[in-house]
Every structure is written in structure tokens, then in C-alpha cells.
mmCIF file of all heavy atoms, coordinates in Angstrom:
data_MODEL
# 
_entry.id   MODEL 
# 
loop_
_atom_site.group_PDB 
_atom_site.id 
_atom_site.type_symbol 
_atom_site.label_atom_id 
_atom_site.label_alt_id 
_atom_site.label_comp_id 
_atom_site.label_asym_id 
_atom_site.label_entity_id 
_atom_site.label_seq_id 
_atom_site.pdbx_PDB_ins_code 
_atom_site.Cartn_x 
_atom_site.Cartn_y 
_atom_site.Cartn_z 
_atom_site.occupancy 
_atom_site.B_iso_or_equiv 
_atom_site.pdbx_formal_charge 
_atom_site.auth_seq_id 
_atom_site.auth_comp_id 
_atom_site.auth_asym_id 
_atom_site.auth_atom_id 
_atom_site.pdbx_PDB_model_num 
ATOM 1   N N   . ILE A 1 1  ? 2.597  -6.956  2.822   1.00 0.00 ? 1  ILE A N   1 
ATOM 2   C CA  . ILE A 1 1  ? 1.625  -5.930  3.208   1.00 0.00 ? 1  ILE A CA  1 
ATOM 3   C C   . ILE A 1 1  ? 2.397  -4.622  3.300   1.00 0.00 ? 1  ILE A C   1 
ATOM 4   O O   . ILE A 1 1  ? 3.296  -4.481  4.132   1.00 0.00 ? 1  ILE A O   1 
ATOM 5   C CB  . ILE A 1 1  ? 0.955  -6.252  4.554   1.00 0.00 ? 1  ILE A CB  1 
ATOM 6   C CG1 . ILE A 1 1  ? 0.124  -7.536  4.445   1.00 0.00 ? 1  ILE A CG1 1 
ATOM 7   C CG2 . ILE A 1 1  ? 0.065  -5.086  4.999   1.00 0.00 ? 1  ILE A CG2 1 
ATOM 8   C CD1 . ILE A 1 1  ? -0.482 -7.999  5.768   1.00 0.00 ? 1  ILE A CD1 1 
ATOM 9   N N   . PHE A 1 2  ? 2.109  -3.700  2.397   1.00 0.00 ? 2  PHE A N   1 
ATOM 10  C CA  . PHE A 1 2  ? 2.795  -2.414  2.427   1.00 0.00 ? 2  PHE A CA  1 
ATOM 11  C C   . PHE A 1 2  ? 2.240  -1.553  3.560   1.00 0.00 ? 2  PHE A C   1 
ATOM 12  O O   . PHE A 1 2  ? 1.033  -1.510  3.795   1.00 0.00 ? 2  PHE A O   1 
ATOM 13  C CB  . PHE A 1 2  ? 2.622  -1.679  1.096   1.00 0.00 ? 2  PHE A CB  1 
ATOM 14  C CG  . PHE A 1 2  ? 3.454  -2.238  -0.019  1.00 0.00 ? 2  PHE A CG  1 
ATOM 15  C CD1 . PHE A 1 2  ? 2.879  -2.950  -1.057  1.00 0.00 ? 2  PHE A CD1 1 
ATOM 16  C CD2 . PHE A 1 2  ? 4.828  -2.041  -0.039  1.00 0.00 ? 2  PHE A CD2 1 
ATOM 17  C CE1 . PHE A 1 2  ? 3.647  -3.462  -2.091  1.00 0.00 ? 2  PHE A CE1 1 
ATOM 18  C CE2 . PHE A 1 2  ? 5.613  -2.551  -1.066  1.00 0.00 ? 2  PHE A CE2 1 
ATOM 19  C CZ  . PHE A 1 2  ? 5.018  -3.263  -2.087  1.00 0.00 ? 2  PHE A CZ  1 
ATOM 20  N N   . THR A 1 3  ? 3.134  -0.886  4.263   1.00 0.00 ? 3  THR A N   1 
ATOM 21  C CA  . THR A 1 3  ? 2.741  0.057   5.313   1.00 0.00 ? 3  THR A CA  1 
ATOM 22  C C   . THR A 1 3  ? 3.453  1.369   5.022   1.00 0.00 ? 3  THR A C   1 
ATOM 23  O O   . THR A 1 3  ? 4.682  1.422   4.999   1.00 0.00 ? 3  THR A O   1 
ATOM 24  C CB  . THR A 1 3  ? 3.134  -0.459  6.709   1.00 0.00 ? 3  THR A CB  1 
ATOM 25  O OG1 . THR A 1 3  ? 4.549  -0.693  6.754   1.00 0.00 ? 3  THR A OG1 1 
ATOM 26  C CG2 . THR A 1 3  ? 2.412  -1.756  7.031   1.00 0.00 ? 3  THR A CG2 1 
ATOM 27  N N   . THR A 1 4  ? 2.713  2.428   4.782   1.00 0.00 ? 4  THR A N   1 
ATOM 28  C CA  . THR A 1 4  ? 3.320  3.682   4.342   1.00 0.00 ? 4  THR A CA  1 
ATOM 29  C C   . THR A 1 4  ? 2.492  4.874   4.777   1.00 0.00 ? 4  THR A C   1 
ATOM 30  O O   . THR A 1 4  ? 1.298  4.733   5.081   1.00 0.00 ? 4  THR A O   1 
ATOM 31  C CB  . THR A 1 4  ? 3.473  3.684   2.810   1.00 0.00 ? 4  THR A CB  1 
ATOM 32  O OG1 . THR A 1 4  ? 4.013  4.924   2.370   1.00 0.00 ? 4  THR A OG1 1 
ATOM 33  C CG2 . THR A 1 4  ? 2.142  3.455   2.130   1.00 0.00 ? 4  THR A CG2 1 
ATOM 34  N N   . ALA A 1 5  ? 3.120  6.021   4.805   1.00 0.00 ? 5  ALA A N   1 
ATOM 35  C CA  . ALA A 1 5  ? 2.419  7.259   5.169   1.00 0.00 ? 5  ALA A CA  1 
ATOM 36  C C   . ALA A 1 5  ? 1.781  7.915   3.953   1.00 0.00 ? 5  ALA A C   1 
ATOM 37  O O   . ALA A 1 5  ? 1.082  8.922   4.086   1.00 0.00 ? 5  ALA A O   1 
ATOM 38  C CB  . ALA A 1 5  ? 3.406  8.224   5.828   1.00 0.00 ? 5  ALA A CB  1 
ATOM 39  N N   . TYR A 1 6  ? 2.017  7.381   2.756   1.00 0.00 ? 6  TYR A N   1 
ATOM 40  C CA  . TYR A 1 6  ? 1.542  8.017   1.527   1.00 0.00 ? 6  TYR A CA  1 
ATOM 41  C C   . TYR A 1 6  ? 0.672  7.055   0.728   1.00 0.00 ? 6  TYR A C   1 
ATOM 42  O O   . TYR A 1 6  ? 0.913  5.853   0.717   1.00 0.00 ? 6  TYR A O   1 
ATOM 43  C CB  . TYR A 1 6  ? 2.732  8.453   0.666   1.00 0.00 ? 6  TYR A CB  1 
ATOM 44  C CG  . TYR A 1 6  ? 3.748  9.283   1.424   1.00 0.00 ? 6  TYR A CG  1 
ATOM 45  C CD1 . TYR A 1 6  ? 4.908  8.684   1.918   1.00 0.00 ? 6  TYR A CD1 1 
ATOM 46  C CD2 . TYR A 1 6  ? 3.535  10.631  1.660   1.00 0.00 ? 6  TYR A CD2 1 
ATOM 47  C CE1 . TYR A 1 6  ? 5.843  9.435   2.625   1.00 0.00 ? 6  TYR A CE1 1 
ATOM 48  C CE2 . TYR A 1 6  ? 4.456  11.385  2.371   1.00 0.00 ? 6  TYR A CE2 1 
ATOM 49  C CZ  . TYR A 1 6  ? 5.610  10.783  2.851   1.00 0.00 ? 6  TYR A CZ  1 
ATOM 50  O OH  . TYR A 1 6  ? 6.518  11.515  3.565   1.00 0.00 ? 6  TYR A OH  1 
ATOM 51  N N   . ASP A 1 7  ? -0.324 7.599   0.033   1.00 0.00 ? 7  ASP A N   1 
ATOM 52  C CA  . ASP A 1 7  ? -1.198 6.744   -0.772  1.00 0.00 ? 7  ASP A CA  1 
ATOM 53  C C   . ASP A 1 7  ? -0.827 6.760   -2.248  1.00 0.00 ? 7  ASP A C   1 
ATOM 54  O O   . ASP A 1 7  ? -1.490 6.137   -3.073  1.00 0.00 ? 7  ASP A O   1 
ATOM 55  C CB  . ASP A 1 7  ? -2.656 7.154   -0.601  1.00 0.00 ? 7  ASP A CB  1 
ATOM 56  C CG  . ASP A 1 7  ? -2.925 8.600   -1.045  1.00 0.00 ? 7  ASP A CG  1 
ATOM 57  O OD1 . ASP A 1 7  ? -1.981 9.259   -1.556  1.00 0.00 ? 7  ASP A OD1 1 
ATOM 58  O OD2 . ASP A 1 7  ? -4.065 9.077   -0.878  1.00 0.00 ? 7  ASP A OD2 1 
ATOM 59  N N   . ALA A 1 8  ? 0.283  7.415   -2.612  1.00 0.00 ? 8  ALA A N   1 
ATOM 60  C CA  . ALA A 1 8  ? 0.636  7.597   -4.024  1.00 0.00 ? 8  ALA A CA  1 
ATOM 61  C C   . ALA A 1 8  ? 0.967  6.286   -4.727  1.00 0.00 ? 8  ALA A C   1 
ATOM 62  O O   . ALA A 1 8  ? 0.853  6.188   -5.945  1.00 0.00 ? 8  ALA A O   1 
ATOM 63  C CB  . ALA A 1 8  ? 1.815  8.561   -4.145  1.00 0.00 ? 8  ALA A CB  1 
ATOM 64  N N   . HIS A 1 9  ? 1.409  5.276   -3.975  1.00 0.00 ? 9  HIS A N   1 
ATOM 65  C CA  . HIS A 1 9  ? 1.846  4.016   -4.597  1.00 0.00 ? 9  HIS A CA  1 
ATOM 66  C C   . HIS A 1 9  ? 0.793  2.914   -4.530  1.00 0.00 ? 9  HIS A C   1 
ATOM 67  O O   . HIS A 1 9  ? 1.085  1.767   -4.853  1.00 0.00 ? 9  HIS A O   1 
ATOM 68  C CB  . HIS A 1 9  ? 3.117  3.513   -3.914  1.00 0.00 ? 9  HIS A CB  1 
ATOM 69  C CG  . HIS A 1 9  ? 4.266  4.469   -3.984  1.00 0.00 ? 9  HIS A CG  1 
ATOM 70  N ND1 . HIS A 1 9  ? 4.972  4.699   -5.147  1.00 0.00 ? 9  HIS A ND1 1 
ATOM 71  C CD2 . HIS A 1 9  ? 4.830  5.255   -3.030  1.00 0.00 ? 9  HIS A CD2 1 
ATOM 72  C CE1 . HIS A 1 9  ? 5.927  5.585   -4.911  1.00 0.00 ? 9  HIS A CE1 1 
ATOM 73  N NE2 . HIS A 1 9  ? 5.858  5.935   -3.640  1.00 0.00 ? 9  HIS A NE2 1 
ATOM 74  N N   . ALA A 1 10 ? -0.420 3.255   -4.109  1.00 0.00 ? 10 ALA A N   1 
ATOM 75  C CA  . ALA A 1 10 ? -1.416 2.212   -3.857  1.00 0.00 ? 10 ALA A CA  1 
ATOM 76  C C   . ALA A 1 10 ? -1.748 1.403   -5.104  1.00 0.00 ? 10 ALA A C   1 
ATOM 77  O O   . ALA A 1 10 ? -1.798 0.173   -5.067  1.00 0.00 ? 10 ALA A O   1 
ATOM 78  C CB  . ALA A 1 10 ? -2.687 2.845   -3.287  1.00 0.00 ? 10 ALA A CB  1 
ATOM 79  N N   . ILE A 1 11 ? -1.964 2.071   -6.232  1.00 0.00 ? 11 ILE A N   1 
ATOM 80  C CA  . ILE A 1 11 ? -2.332 1.350   -7.457  1.00 0.00 ? 11 ILE A CA  1 
ATOM 81  C C   . ILE A 1 11 ? -1.215 0.405   -7.859  1.00 0.00 ? 11 ILE A C   1 
ATOM 82  O O   . ILE A 1 11 ? -1.447 -0.765  -8.188  1.00 0.00 ? 11 ILE A O   1 
ATOM 83  C CB  . ILE A 1 11 ? -2.644 2.341   -8.596  1.00 0.00 ? 11 ILE A CB  1 
ATOM 84  C CG1 . ILE A 1 11 ? -3.908 3.140   -8.253  1.00 0.00 ? 11 ILE A CG1 1 
ATOM 85  C CG2 . ILE A 1 11 ? -2.814 1.599   -9.915  1.00 0.00 ? 11 ILE A CG2 1 
ATOM 86  C CD1 . ILE A 1 11 ? -4.263 4.185   -9.286  1.00 0.00 ? 11 ILE A CD1 1 
ATOM 87  N N   . ARG A 1 12 ? 0.021  0.887   -7.815  1.00 0.00 ? 12 ARG A N   1 
ATOM 88  C CA  . ARG A 1 12 ? 1.158  0.048   -8.186  1.00 0.00 ? 12 ARG A CA  1 
ATOM 89  C C   . ARG A 1 12 ? 1.273  -1.159  -7.265  1.00 0.00 ? 12 ARG A C   1 
ATOM 90  O O   . ARG A 1 12 ? 1.563  -2.272  -7.706  1.00 0.00 ? 12 ARG A O   1 
ATOM 91  C CB  . ARG A 1 12 ? 2.435  0.882   -8.125  1.00 0.00 ? 12 ARG A CB  1 
ATOM 92  C CG  . ARG A 1 12 ? 3.676  0.147   -8.605  1.00 0.00 ? 12 ARG A CG  1 
ATOM 93  C CD  . ARG A 1 12 ? 4.878  1.066   -8.549  1.00 0.00 ? 12 ARG A CD  1 
ATOM 94  N NE  . ARG A 1 12 ? 6.082  0.373   -8.968  1.00 0.00 ? 12 ARG A NE  1 
ATOM 95  C CZ  . ARG A 1 12 ? 7.302  0.870   -8.841  1.00 0.00 ? 12 ARG A CZ  1 
ATOM 96  N NH1 . ARG A 1 12 ? 7.466  2.071   -8.323  1.00 0.00 ? 12 ARG A NH1 1 
ATOM 97  N NH2 . ARG A 1 12 ? 8.348  0.185   -9.228  1.00 0.00 ? 12 ARG A NH2 1 
ATOM 98  N N   . ALA A 1 13 ? 1.025  -0.956  -5.973  1.00 0.00 ? 13 ALA A N   1 
ATOM 99  C CA  . ALA A 1 13 ? 1.115  -2.056  -5.014  1.00 0.00 ? 13 ALA A CA  1 
ATOM 100 C C   . ALA A 1 13 ? 0.109  -3.161  -5.326  1.00 0.00 ? 13 ALA A C   1 
ATOM 101 O O   . ALA A 1 13 ? 0.431  -4.342  -5.270  1.00 0.00 ? 13 ALA A O   1 
ATOM 102 C CB  . ALA A 1 13 ? 0.886  -1.536  -3.597  1.00 0.00 ? 13 ALA A CB  1 
ATOM 103 N N   . PHE A 1 14 ? -1.117 -2.776  -5.678  1.00 0.00 ? 14 PHE A N   1 
ATOM 104 C CA  . PHE A 1 14 ? -2.114 -3.799  -5.979  1.00 0.00 ? 14 PHE A CA  1 
ATOM 105 C C   . PHE A 1 14 ? -1.883 -4.431  -7.346  1.00 0.00 ? 14 PHE A C   1 
ATOM 106 O O   . PHE A 1 14 ? -2.247 -5.586  -7.568  1.00 0.00 ? 14 PHE A O   1 
ATOM 107 C CB  . PHE A 1 14 ? -3.521 -3.202  -5.889  1.00 0.00 ? 14 PHE A CB  1 
ATOM 108 C CG  . PHE A 1 14 ? -3.972 -2.983  -4.472  1.00 0.00 ? 14 PHE A CG  1 
ATOM 109 C CD1 . PHE A 1 14 ? -4.200 -1.712  -3.986  1.00 0.00 ? 14 PHE A CD1 1 
ATOM 110 C CD2 . PHE A 1 14 ? -4.137 -4.055  -3.609  1.00 0.00 ? 14 PHE A CD2 1 
ATOM 111 C CE1 . PHE A 1 14 ? -4.595 -1.503  -2.669  1.00 0.00 ? 14 PHE A CE1 1 
ATOM 112 C CE2 . PHE A 1 14 ? -4.541 -3.863  -2.286  1.00 0.00 ? 14 PHE A CE2 1 
ATOM 113 C CZ  . PHE A 1 14 ? -4.764 -2.584  -1.819  1.00 0.00 ? 14 PHE A CZ  1 
ATOM 114 N N   . GLU A 1 15 ? -1.245 -3.696  -8.267  1.00 0.00 ? 15 GLU A N   1 
ATOM 115 C CA  . GLU A 1 15 ? -0.903 -4.289  -9.560  1.00 0.00 ? 15 GLU A CA  1 
ATOM 116 C C   . GLU A 1 15 ? 0.058  -5.460  -9.403  1.00 0.00 ? 15 GLU A C   1 
ATOM 117 O O   . GLU A 1 15 ? 0.059  -6.391  -10.204 1.00 0.00 ? 15 GLU A O   1 
ATOM 118 C CB  . GLU A 1 15 ? -0.282 -3.225  -10.476 1.00 0.00 ? 15 GLU A CB  1 
ATOM 119 C CG  . GLU A 1 15 ? -1.301 -2.291  -11.100 1.00 0.00 ? 15 GLU A CG  1 
ATOM 120 C CD  . GLU A 1 15 ? -0.645 -1.275  -12.019 1.00 0.00 ? 15 GLU A CD  1 
ATOM 121 O OE1 . GLU A 1 15 ? 0.586  -1.108  -11.932 1.00 0.00 ? 15 GLU A OE1 1 
ATOM 122 O OE2 . GLU A 1 15 ? -1.361 -0.661  -12.813 1.00 0.00 ? 15 GLU A OE2 1 
ATOM 123 N N   . ILE A 1 16 ? 0.920  -5.405  -8.387  1.00 0.00 ? 16 ILE A N   1 
ATOM 124 C CA  . ILE A 1 16 ? 1.887  -6.493  -8.194  1.00 0.00 ? 16 ILE A CA  1 
ATOM 125 C C   . ILE A 1 16 ? 1.352  -7.570  -7.246  1.00 0.00 ? 16 ILE A C   1 
ATOM 126 O O   . ILE A 1 16 ? 2.084  -8.433  -6.794  1.00 0.00 ? 16 ILE A O   1 
ATOM 127 C CB  . ILE A 1 16 ? 3.231  -5.964  -7.666  1.00 0.00 ? 16 ILE A CB  1 
ATOM 128 C CG1 . ILE A 1 16 ? 3.074  -5.405  -6.251  1.00 0.00 ? 16 ILE A CG1 1 
ATOM 129 C CG2 . ILE A 1 16 ? 3.813  -4.921  -8.588  1.00 0.00 ? 16 ILE A CG2 1 
ATOM 130 C CD1 . ILE A 1 16 ? 4.384  -5.081  -5.580  1.00 0.00 ? 16 ILE A CD1 1 
ATOM 131 N N   . ASN A 1 17 ? 0.062  -7.486  -6.931  1.00 0.00 ? 17 ASN A N   1 
ATOM 132 C CA  . ASN A 1 17 ? -0.590 -8.508  -6.107  1.00 0.00 ? 17 ASN A CA  1 
ATOM 133 C C   . ASN A 1 17 ? -0.130 -8.504  -4.655  1.00 0.00 ? 17 ASN A C   1 
ATOM 134 O O   . ASN A 1 17 ? -0.042 -9.560  -4.024  1.00 0.00 ? 17 ASN A O   1 
ATOM 135 C CB  . ASN A 1 17 ? -0.403 -9.914  -6.703  1.00 0.00 ? 17 ASN A CB  1 
ATOM 136 C CG  . ASN A 1 17 ? -1.096 -10.061 -8.043  1.00 0.00 ? 17 ASN A CG  1 
ATOM 137 O OD1 . ASN A 1 17 ? -2.177 -9.512  -8.245  1.00 0.00 ? 17 ASN A OD1 1 
ATOM 138 N ND2 . ASN A 1 17 ? -0.476 -10.765 -8.959  1.00 0.00 ? 17 ASN A ND2 1 
ATOM 139 N N   . ALA A 1 18 ? 0.195  -7.328  -4.117  1.00 0.00 ? 18 ALA A N   1 
ATOM 140 C CA  . ALA A 1 18 ? 0.444  -7.239  -2.686  1.00 0.00 ? 18 ALA A CA  1 
ATOM 141 C C   . ALA A 1 18 ? -0.848 -7.587  -1.944  1.00 0.00 ? 18 ALA A C   1 
ATOM 142 O O   . ALA A 1 18 ? -1.951 -7.374  -2.457  1.00 0.00 ? 18 ALA A O   1 
ATOM 143 C CB  . ALA A 1 18 ? 0.888  -5.826  -2.317  1.00 0.00 ? 18 ALA A CB  1 
ATOM 144 N N   . LEU A 1 19 ? -0.705 -8.141  -0.741  1.00 0.00 ? 19 LEU A N   1 
ATOM 145 C CA  . LEU A 1 19 ? -1.908 -8.511  0.017   1.00 0.00 ? 19 LEU A CA  1 
ATOM 146 C C   . LEU A 1 19 ? -2.740 -7.299  0.380   1.00 0.00 ? 19 LEU A C   1 
ATOM 147 O O   . LEU A 1 19 ? -3.969 -7.334  0.338   1.00 0.00 ? 19 LEU A O   1 
ATOM 148 C CB  . LEU A 1 19 ? -1.506 -9.259  1.295   1.00 0.00 ? 19 LEU A CB  1 
ATOM 149 C CG  . LEU A 1 19 ? -0.913 -10.654 1.116   1.00 0.00 ? 19 LEU A CG  1 
ATOM 150 C CD1 . LEU A 1 19 ? -0.523 -11.227 2.467   1.00 0.00 ? 19 LEU A CD1 1 
ATOM 151 C CD2 . LEU A 1 19 ? -1.902 -11.582 0.421   1.00 0.00 ? 19 LEU A CD2 1 
ATOM 152 N N   . ASP A 1 20 ? -2.068 -6.206  0.744   1.00 0.00 ? 20 ASP A N   1 
ATOM 153 C CA  . ASP A 1 20 ? -2.802 -5.004  1.145   1.00 0.00 ? 20 ASP A CA  1 
ATOM 154 C C   . ASP A 1 20 ? -1.847 -3.814  1.182   1.00 0.00 ? 20 ASP A C   1 
ATOM 155 O O   . ASP A 1 20 ? -0.621 -3.970  1.080   1.00 0.00 ? 20 ASP A O   1 
ATOM 156 C CB  . ASP A 1 20 ? -3.468 -5.192  2.516   1.00 0.00 ? 20 ASP A CB  1 
ATOM 157 C CG  . ASP A 1 20 ? -4.794 -4.422  2.618   1.00 0.00 ? 20 ASP A CG  1 
ATOM 158 O OD1 . ASP A 1 20 ? -4.914 -3.371  1.964   1.00 0.00 ? 20 ASP A OD1 1 
ATOM 159 O OD2 . ASP A 1 20 ? -5.688 -4.887  3.348   1.00 0.00 ? 20 ASP A OD2 1 
ATOM 160 N N   . TYR A 1 21 ? -2.436 -2.636  1.349   1.00 0.00 ? 21 TYR A N   1 
ATOM 161 C CA  . TYR A 1 21 ? -1.691 -1.375  1.353   1.00 0.00 ? 21 TYR A CA  1 
ATOM 162 C C   . TYR A 1 21 ? -2.261 -0.555  2.508   1.00 0.00 ? 21 TYR A C   1 
ATOM 163 O O   . TYR A 1 21 ? -3.370 -0.030  2.411   1.00 0.00 ? 21 TYR A O   1 
ATOM 164 C CB  . TYR A 1 21 ? -1.908 -0.673  0.011   1.00 0.00 ? 21 TYR A CB  1 
ATOM 165 C CG  . TYR A 1 21 ? -1.078 0.560   -0.225  1.00 0.00 ? 21 TYR A CG  1 
ATOM 166 C CD1 . TYR A 1 21 ? 0.118  0.480   -0.931  1.00 0.00 ? 21 TYR A CD1 1 
ATOM 167 C CD2 . TYR A 1 21 ? -1.506 1.806   0.211   1.00 0.00 ? 21 TYR A CD2 1 
ATOM 168 C CE1 . TYR A 1 21 ? 0.877  1.613   -1.189  1.00 0.00 ? 21 TYR A CE1 1 
ATOM 169 C CE2 . TYR A 1 21 ? -0.755 2.941   -0.034  1.00 0.00 ? 21 TYR A CE2 1 
ATOM 170 C CZ  . TYR A 1 21 ? 0.428  2.847   -0.738  1.00 0.00 ? 21 TYR A CZ  1 
ATOM 171 O OH  . TYR A 1 21 ? 1.180  3.970   -0.985  1.00 0.00 ? 21 TYR A OH  1 
ATOM 172 N N   . LEU A 1 22 ? -1.524 -0.517  3.617   1.00 0.00 ? 22 LEU A N   1 
ATOM 173 C CA  . LEU A 1 22 ? -2.029 0.115   4.829   1.00 0.00 ? 22 LEU A CA  1 
ATOM 174 C C   . LEU A 1 22 ? -1.366 1.466   5.043   1.00 0.00 ? 22 LEU A C   1 
ATOM 175 O O   . LEU A 1 22 ? -0.145 1.593   4.981   1.00 0.00 ? 22 LEU A O   1 
ATOM 176 C CB  . LEU A 1 22 ? -1.762 -0.781  6.043   1.00 0.00 ? 22 LEU A CB  1 
ATOM 177 C CG  . LEU A 1 22 ? -2.263 -2.230  5.959   1.00 0.00 ? 22 LEU A CG  1 
ATOM 178 C CD1 . LEU A 1 22 ? -1.969 -2.965  7.254   1.00 0.00 ? 22 LEU A CD1 1 
ATOM 179 C CD2 . LEU A 1 22 ? -3.743 -2.276  5.618   1.00 0.00 ? 22 LEU A CD2 1 
ATOM 180 N N   . LEU A 1 23 ? -2.189 2.471   5.309   1.00 0.00 ? 23 LEU A N   1 
ATOM 181 C CA  . LEU A 1 23 ? -1.670 3.796   5.610   1.00 0.00 ? 23 LEU A CA  1 
ATOM 182 C C   . LEU A 1 23 ? -1.393 3.910   7.105   1.00 0.00 ? 23 LEU A C   1 
ATOM 183 O O   . LEU A 1 23 ? -2.160 3.415   7.938   1.00 0.00 ? 23 LEU A O   1 
ATOM 184 C CB  . LEU A 1 23 ? -2.676 4.871   5.180   1.00 0.00 ? 23 LEU A CB  1 
ATOM 185 C CG  . LEU A 1 23 ? -2.888 5.032   3.668   1.00 0.00 ? 23 LEU A CG  1 
ATOM 186 C CD1 . LEU A 1 23 ? -3.967 6.070   3.398   1.00 0.00 ? 23 LEU A CD1 1 
ATOM 187 C CD2 . LEU A 1 23 ? -1.592 5.416   2.975   1.00 0.00 ? 23 LEU A CD2 1 
ATOM 188 N N   . LYS A 1 24 ? -0.276 4.542   7.451   1.00 0.00 ? 24 LYS A N   1 
ATOM 189 C CA  . LYS A 1 24 ? 0.074  4.783   8.851   1.00 0.00 ? 24 LYS A CA  1 
ATOM 190 C C   . LYS A 1 24 ? -0.765 5.942   9.403   1.00 0.00 ? 24 LYS A C   1 
ATOM 191 O O   . LYS A 1 24 ? -1.074 6.880   8.679   1.00 0.00 ? 24 LYS A O   1 
ATOM 192 C CB  . LYS A 1 24 ? 1.559  5.131   8.979   1.00 0.00 ? 24 LYS A CB  1 
ATOM 193 C CG  . LYS A 1 24 ? 2.515  4.083   8.432   1.00 0.00 ? 24 LYS A CG  1 
ATOM 194 C CD  . LYS A 1 24 ? 3.936  4.630   8.471   1.00 0.00 ? 24 LYS A CD  1 
ATOM 195 C CE  . LYS A 1 24 ? 4.926  3.686   7.826   1.00 0.00 ? 24 LYS A CE  1 
ATOM 196 N NZ  . LYS A 1 24 ? 6.291  4.253   7.780   1.00 0.00 ? 24 LYS A NZ  1 
ATOM 197 N N   . PRO A 1 25 ? -1.113 5.888   10.679  1.00 0.00 ? 25 PRO A N   1 
ATOM 198 C CA  . PRO A 1 25 ? -0.883 4.764   11.601  1.00 0.00 ? 25 PRO A CA  1 
ATOM 199 C C   . PRO A 1 25 ? -1.826 3.598   11.303  1.00 0.00 ? 25 PRO A C   1 
ATOM 200 O O   . PRO A 1 25 ? -2.999 3.809   11.013  1.00 0.00 ? 25 PRO A O   1 
ATOM 201 C CB  . PRO A 1 25 ? -1.170 5.377   12.972  1.00 0.00 ? 25 PRO A CB  1 
ATOM 202 C CG  . PRO A 1 25 ? -2.159 6.471   12.687  1.00 0.00 ? 25 PRO A CG  1 
ATOM 203 C CD  . PRO A 1 25 ? -1.784 7.029   11.349  1.00 0.00 ? 25 PRO A CD  1 
ATOM 204 N N   . VAL A 1 26 ? -1.291 2.378   11.361  1.00 0.00 ? 26 VAL A N   1 
ATOM 205 C CA  . VAL A 1 26 ? -2.065 1.179   11.039  1.00 0.00 ? 26 VAL A CA  1 
ATOM 206 C C   . VAL A 1 26 ? -3.058 0.897   12.156  1.00 0.00 ? 26 VAL A C   1 
ATOM 207 O O   . VAL A 1 26 ? -2.691 0.873   13.332  1.00 0.00 ? 26 VAL A O   1 
ATOM 208 C CB  . VAL A 1 26 ? -1.127 -0.027  10.837  1.00 0.00 ? 26 VAL A CB  1 
ATOM 209 C CG1 . VAL A 1 26 ? -1.926 -1.298  10.594  1.00 0.00 ? 26 VAL A CG1 1 
ATOM 210 C CG2 . VAL A 1 26 ? -0.181 0.233   9.672   1.00 0.00 ? 26 VAL A CG2 1 
# 
């Protein structure tokens, strides 16, 4: 589960089948 302050990598994260992409604060 990616946790980040930026949304720039969201598409790439889901392409690799990450469970989710959460923006901080979670």
C-alpha cells in the first residue's frame, strides 16, 4: 500500500498491482 504526499505516481502504482495508493495524511 503506497503512502505518499504526491499523486504523480498513482497510475504507475496501480499498473504494478499495488493494493492501493493513499495520499497523506492517511
